[in-house]
């Protein structure tokens, strides 16, 4: 009886996850540019609330496991276990050993009050300019993870990011699930297409940091990423900020961000969020008041 009940709970959680992903995808797909619709898969993310933490745990445990060139292709979903006491959260415990073998980060230097501010850019909603204005005001350098269509559709914003000292980083060309791409040539093309688009606009090489779309990864995908010279950047903070017509209030967003700020935090915000753009000035001011220093991904501690 207990086994049957446990099985029903697992199936229910997985169905809930699939339905929520479909809803988020439809919500966001309706506002994407034509180029992005053609070139990218639906853009959505995973909310790190407790139900989604459990969903991702079960999905990680029960996903299929195959080998390719001696490496596992088992799909995992990145998640962290949120805390409200300003202490660094643990990442996905079932892949802790796996992730530690590769150049992967979800935290930086946890011995100091430092933060690493990152933004995911799937498409432009009109808020990147005010975000850049606030960053310039505070002399804060951030990392922007971009897909290829974002680069080709927003060359002036990309140039401004570079000119003002921010890191422009790789978020794949078409936003696929990277562990589903087991052919190494096809996998690398997702990264190299972004590199080529960035270099054609700026004349510079893109920063060698990769954030896997939707936080999906496998042992094989982490190996491919590392072999190509990239560090994988996950996150230790994120919240539901990416749905344009379901934006959190200023108060809710500020409370959520500040109560979960912690030493070494790699903070993920979506630049499509009106709320993020409007509260960023206050958030950075409060971080500095609390003694936090904002650093770039180039200042992450080295992995052994």
Protein backbone atom coordinates (compact mmCIF):
# COMPACT_ATOMS: atom_id res chain seq x y z
CA UNK A 1 0.00 0.00 0.00
CA UNK A 2 2.82 2.37 0.93
CA UNK A 3 4.65 1.55 -2.32
CA UNK A 4 1.53 2.29 -4.40
CA UNK A 5 0.99 5.60 -2.60
CA UNK A 6 4.64 6.55 -3.12
CA UNK A 7 4.35 5.73 -6.85
CA UNK A 8 1.19 7.86 -7.18
CA UNK A 9 2.95 10.80 -5.52
CA UNK A 10 5.95 10.53 -7.86
CA UNK A 11 3.76 10.30 -10.99
CA UNK A 12 1.66 13.25 -9.82
CA UNK A 13 4.73 15.41 -9.24
CA UNK A 14 6.16 14.58 -12.65
CA UNK A 15 2.84 15.37 -14.36
CA UNK A 16 2.63 18.67 -12.48
CA UNK A 17 6.14 19.56 -13.64
CA UNK A 18 5.33 18.77 -17.28
CA UNK A 19 2.13 20.78 -17.21
CA UNK A 20 3.80 23.78 -15.57
CA UNK A 21 6.58 23.74 -18.16
CA UNK A 22 4.00 23.71 -20.97
CA UNK A 23 2.13 26.64 -19.43
CA UNK A 24 5.32 28.68 -18.97
CA UNK A 25 6.47 27.89 -22.49
CA UNK A 26 3.18 29.02 -24.06
CA UNK A 27 3.14 32.15 -21.93
CA UNK A 28 6.59 33.22 -23.07
CA UNK A 29 6.41 31.95 -26.62
CA UNK A 30 3.57 34.38 -27.36
CA UNK A 31 5.88 37.39 -26.96
CA UNK A 32 9.04 36.13 -28.63
CA UNK A 33 10.34 37.85 -31.75
CA UNK A 34 9.92 36.06 -35.08
CA UNK A 35 13.63 35.29 -35.29
CA UNK A 36 13.64 33.83 -31.82
CA UNK A 37 10.57 31.73 -32.56
CA UNK A 38 12.34 30.27 -35.59
CA UNK A 39 15.74 29.68 -34.02
CA UNK A 40 15.09 28.87 -30.35
CA UNK A 41 13.18 26.28 -28.46
CA UNK A 42 10.57 27.57 -25.97
CA UNK A 43 12.26 29.59 -23.27
CA UNK A 44 11.33 28.78 -19.71
CA UNK A 45 13.01 28.03 -16.42
CA UNK A 46 12.45 26.03 -13.29
CA UNK A 47 11.21 27.77 -10.16
CA UNK A 48 13.22 26.70 -7.12
CA UNK A 49 10.28 26.51 -4.72
CA UNK A 50 9.92 23.44 -2.54
CA UNK A 51 7.49 21.57 -4.87
CA UNK A 52 9.87 22.06 -7.80
CA UNK A 53 12.82 20.99 -5.64
CA UNK A 54 11.01 17.69 -5.03
CA UNK A 55 9.97 17.39 -8.67
CA UNK A 56 13.53 17.83 -9.90
CA UNK A 57 14.86 15.42 -7.29
CA UNK A 58 12.53 12.66 -8.47
CA UNK A 59 13.13 13.45 -12.14
CA UNK A 60 16.88 13.20 -11.55
CA UNK A 61 16.62 9.92 -9.68
CA UNK A 62 14.32 8.18 -12.16
CA UNK A 63 15.57 9.50 -15.54
CA UNK A 64 16.99 7.00 -18.01
CA UNK A 65 20.70 6.23 -17.91
CA UNK A 66 22.70 5.30 -21.02
CA UNK A 67 26.38 5.52 -21.87
CA UNK A 68 28.10 7.33 -24.72
CA UNK A 69 31.87 6.98 -25.07
CA UNK A 70 31.97 5.69 -21.51
CA UNK A 71 30.10 8.70 -20.08
CA UNK A 72 26.55 8.73 -18.76
CA UNK A 73 23.83 10.50 -20.77
CA UNK A 74 21.41 10.43 -17.83
CA UNK A 75 19.51 13.75 -17.80
CA UNK A 76 19.55 15.92 -14.68
CA UNK A 77 17.78 19.16 -13.80
CA UNK A 78 19.73 21.70 -11.76
CA UNK A 79 18.10 22.89 -8.57
CA UNK A 80 19.13 24.28 -5.22
CA UNK A 81 17.56 23.94 -1.80
CA UNK A 82 16.44 27.47 -0.80
CA UNK A 83 17.25 28.86 2.62
CA UNK A 84 15.97 32.02 4.28
CA UNK A 85 18.81 32.45 6.79
CA UNK A 86 21.36 33.95 4.35
CA UNK A 87 23.47 30.78 4.32
CA UNK A 88 24.69 29.22 1.04
CA UNK A 89 22.24 26.60 -0.26
CA UNK A 90 23.16 23.09 -1.30
CA UNK A 91 22.81 22.13 -4.94
CA UNK A 92 21.35 18.92 -6.33
CA UNK A 93 22.59 16.37 -3.82
CA UNK A 94 22.23 13.38 -6.16
CA UNK A 95 24.78 14.91 -8.58
CA UNK A 96 27.12 16.55 -6.04
CA UNK A 97 29.96 14.11 -6.77
CA UNK A 98 29.39 14.26 -10.54
CA UNK A 99 29.35 18.06 -10.72
CA UNK A 100 32.49 18.32 -8.56
CA UNK A 101 34.47 16.43 -11.23
CA UNK A 102 33.98 19.21 -13.79
CA UNK A 103 34.44 22.97 -14.02
CA UNK A 104 30.98 23.71 -12.62
CA UNK A 105 29.92 26.45 -10.25
CA UNK A 106 26.74 27.30 -8.40
CA UNK A 107 28.60 29.17 -5.66
CA UNK A 108 31.69 31.35 -5.59
CA UNK A 109 33.76 32.27 -2.54
CA UNK A 110 31.52 31.45 0.43
CA UNK A 111 34.11 32.62 2.97
CA UNK A 112 33.44 36.26 2.09
CA UNK A 113 30.46 38.55 1.51
CA UNK A 114 30.75 38.46 -2.26
CA UNK A 115 28.08 38.05 -4.93
CA UNK A 116 28.17 37.31 -8.65
CA UNK A 117 25.28 38.93 -10.52
CA UNK A 118 24.10 37.17 -13.68
CA UNK A 119 21.26 37.76 -16.13
CA UNK A 120 19.74 35.34 -18.64
CA UNK A 121 18.78 36.92 -21.98
CA UNK A 122 16.47 34.86 -24.19
CA UNK A 123 14.84 37.82 -25.91
CA UNK A 124 14.61 41.58 -25.39
CA UNK A 125 11.59 42.93 -23.52
CA UNK A 126 12.82 46.51 -23.17
CA UNK A 127 14.39 46.22 -19.72
CA UNK A 128 18.06 45.58 -20.49
CA UNK A 129 18.79 49.28 -21.06
CA UNK A 130 17.50 50.35 -17.61
CA UNK A 131 19.32 47.39 -16.07
CA UNK A 132 22.56 48.52 -17.70
CA UNK A 133 21.88 52.08 -16.50
CA UNK A 134 21.62 50.89 -12.88
CA UNK A 135 24.74 48.73 -13.17
CA UNK A 136 26.66 51.71 -14.55
CA UNK A 137 25.41 53.95 -11.73
CA UNK A 138 26.75 51.50 -9.13
CA UNK A 139 29.87 50.53 -11.10
CA UNK A 140 28.79 46.89 -10.94
CA UNK A 141 29.89 44.40 -13.59
CA UNK A 142 27.50 41.56 -14.37
CA UNK A 143 27.40 38.53 -16.65
CA UNK A 144 24.78 38.30 -19.40
CA UNK A 145 24.04 34.81 -20.74
CA UNK A 146 22.73 35.22 -24.28
CA UNK A 147 21.38 33.02 -27.06
CA UNK A 148 22.30 33.59 -30.70
CA UNK A 149 19.06 35.33 -31.76
CA UNK A 150 19.47 37.79 -28.90
CA UNK A 151 22.88 38.79 -30.26
CA UNK A 152 21.72 39.18 -33.85
CA UNK A 153 18.56 41.07 -32.84
CA UNK A 154 20.21 43.40 -30.33
CA UNK A 155 23.72 44.26 -31.55
CA UNK A 156 23.80 47.70 -29.90
CA UNK A 157 22.94 46.27 -26.50
CA UNK A 158 25.63 43.61 -26.91
CA UNK A 159 28.17 46.30 -27.80
CA UNK A 160 27.14 48.37 -24.78
CA UNK A 161 27.57 45.37 -22.47
CA UNK A 162 31.11 44.90 -23.75
CA UNK A 163 31.99 48.60 -23.68
CA UNK A 164 30.85 48.93 -20.06
CA UNK A 165 32.90 45.96 -18.87
CA UNK A 166 30.27 43.27 -18.49
CA UNK A 167 30.82 39.65 -19.43
CA UNK A 168 28.76 38.38 -22.34
CA UNK A 169 28.48 34.62 -21.93
CA UNK A 170 27.10 31.63 -23.81
CA UNK A 171 23.55 30.35 -23.30
CA UNK A 172 23.49 28.21 -26.50
CA UNK A 173 22.33 29.08 -30.00
CA UNK A 174 18.80 27.64 -29.92
CA UNK A 175 18.11 26.97 -26.22
CA UNK A 176 17.80 23.16 -26.46
CA UNK A 177 18.14 20.59 -23.74
CA UNK A 178 21.89 20.05 -23.99
CA UNK A 179 22.03 16.49 -22.57
CA UNK A 180 19.74 15.43 -25.43
CA UNK A 181 22.56 16.26 -27.88
CA UNK A 182 24.94 13.31 -27.65
CA UNK A 183 26.81 13.98 -30.89
CA UNK A 184 29.82 16.10 -29.95
CA UNK A 185 29.90 18.04 -33.23
CA UNK A 186 26.26 19.05 -32.88
CA UNK A 187 26.78 19.90 -29.23
CA UNK A 188 29.73 22.18 -29.97
CA UNK A 189 27.81 23.89 -32.77
CA UNK A 190 25.32 25.16 -30.17
CA UNK A 191 28.23 27.01 -28.55
CA UNK A 192 30.24 27.97 -31.62
CA UNK A 193 27.25 29.56 -33.39
CA UNK A 194 26.92 31.96 -30.46
CA UNK A 195 30.66 32.63 -30.53
CA UNK A 196 30.57 33.45 -34.23
CA UNK A 197 27.58 35.79 -33.88
CA UNK A 198 29.20 37.61 -30.96
CA UNK A 199 32.56 38.00 -32.69
CA UNK A 200 30.97 39.26 -35.91
CA UNK A 201 29.37 42.13 -33.97
CA UNK A 202 32.08 42.98 -31.45
CA UNK A 203 35.30 41.69 -32.99
CA UNK A 204 35.99 39.99 -29.64
CA UNK A 205 35.86 36.48 -28.23
CA UNK A 206 32.94 35.63 -26.01
CA UNK A 207 33.60 34.90 -22.32
CA UNK A 208 34.05 31.18 -21.75
CA UNK A 209 31.16 30.61 -19.38
CA UNK A 210 28.17 28.48 -20.29
CA UNK A 211 24.79 28.28 -18.62
CA UNK A 212 22.93 25.20 -19.87
CA UNK A 213 19.38 26.04 -20.98
CA UNK A 214 16.74 25.20 -18.38
CA UNK A 215 19.52 23.94 -16.11
CA UNK A 216 19.55 20.57 -17.85
CA UNK A 217 22.79 18.57 -17.92
CA UNK A 218 24.39 15.13 -18.00
CA UNK A 219 27.85 13.77 -17.34
CA UNK A 220 28.43 13.74 -21.10
CA UNK A 221 27.25 17.35 -21.58
CA UNK A 222 29.46 18.58 -18.74
CA UNK A 223 32.43 16.78 -20.30
CA UNK A 224 31.74 18.24 -23.75
CA UNK A 225 31.43 21.71 -22.22
CA UNK A 226 34.69 21.41 -20.33
CA UNK A 227 36.55 19.90 -23.30
CA UNK A 228 35.54 22.94 -25.36
CA UNK A 229 37.11 25.24 -22.80
CA UNK A 230 34.02 26.46 -20.94
CA UNK A 231 33.08 26.58 -17.27
CA UNK A 232 29.48 25.61 -16.49
CA UNK A 233 27.65 28.23 -14.44
CA UNK A 234 24.58 27.14 -12.51
CA UNK A 235 23.11 29.33 -9.75
CA UNK A 236 22.40 29.47 -6.01
CA UNK A 237 19.54 31.92 -6.31
CA UNK A 238 16.67 32.28 -8.78
CA UNK A 239 12.98 33.01 -8.44
CA UNK A 240 9.90 33.16 -10.67
CA UNK A 241 10.64 36.42 -12.46
CA UNK A 242 10.49 35.46 -16.15
CA UNK A 243 6.77 35.60 -16.97
CA UNK A 244 5.99 39.12 -18.27
CA UNK A 245 2.33 39.27 -17.26
CA UNK A 246 2.83 37.57 -13.90
CA UNK A 247 5.48 39.80 -12.39
CA UNK A 248 5.98 39.73 -8.61
CA UNK A 249 5.36 42.93 -6.71
CA UNK A 250 8.31 45.05 -5.68
CA UNK A 251 7.86 44.06 -2.05
CA UNK A 252 7.63 40.33 -2.72
CA UNK A 253 10.63 40.37 -5.07
CA UNK A 254 12.82 42.41 -2.73
CA UNK A 255 11.98 40.19 0.24
CA UNK A 256 12.64 37.01 -1.73
CA UNK A 257 15.99 38.23 -3.07
CA UNK A 258 17.30 39.71 0.18
CA UNK A 259 16.23 36.87 2.47
CA UNK A 260 18.04 34.39 0.22
CA UNK A 261 21.19 36.43 -0.38
CA UNK A 262 24.26 34.58 0.89
CA UNK A 263 28.06 34.54 0.75
CA UNK A 264 29.37 33.48 -2.64
CA UNK A 265 25.95 33.65 -4.25
CA UNK A 266 25.66 33.27 -8.02
CA UNK A 267 22.46 35.25 -8.45
CA UNK A 268 20.30 34.52 -11.51
CA UNK A 269 17.86 37.21 -12.62
CA UNK A 270 15.96 37.34 -15.91
CA UNK A 271 16.34 40.57 -17.85
CA UNK A 272 12.80 40.23 -19.28
CA UNK A 273 11.47 41.12 -15.84
CA UNK A 274 10.00 44.57 -15.38
CA UNK A 275 10.15 44.09 -11.62
CA UNK A 276 13.86 43.26 -11.69
CA UNK A 277 14.61 46.38 -13.71
CA UNK A 278 12.60 48.55 -11.33
CA UNK A 279 14.01 47.21 -8.05
CA UNK A 280 17.63 46.59 -9.09
CA UNK A 281 18.82 49.99 -7.85
CA UNK A 282 17.35 49.31 -4.40
CA UNK A 283 18.65 45.74 -4.31
CA UNK A 284 22.24 46.70 -5.15
CA UNK A 285 22.09 49.58 -2.66
CA UNK A 286 20.90 47.19 0.08
CA UNK A 287 23.53 44.58 -0.80
CA UNK A 288 26.25 47.19 -0.43
CA UNK A 289 24.72 48.43 2.84
CA UNK A 290 24.90 44.86 4.15
CA UNK A 291 28.57 44.70 3.20
CA UNK A 292 28.37 42.59 0.05
CA UNK A 293 30.85 43.13 -2.78
CA UNK A 294 29.78 42.31 -6.33
CA UNK A 295 32.41 40.50 -8.37
CA UNK A 296 32.58 39.07 -11.88
CA UNK A 297 32.71 35.42 -12.88
CA UNK A 298 36.35 36.01 -13.80
CA UNK A 299 36.95 36.28 -10.04
CA UNK A 300 35.47 32.90 -9.15
CA UNK A 301 37.84 30.80 -7.01
CA UNK A 302 39.72 28.15 -9.01
CA UNK A 303 38.56 24.54 -8.94
CA UNK A 304 41.07 21.92 -7.81
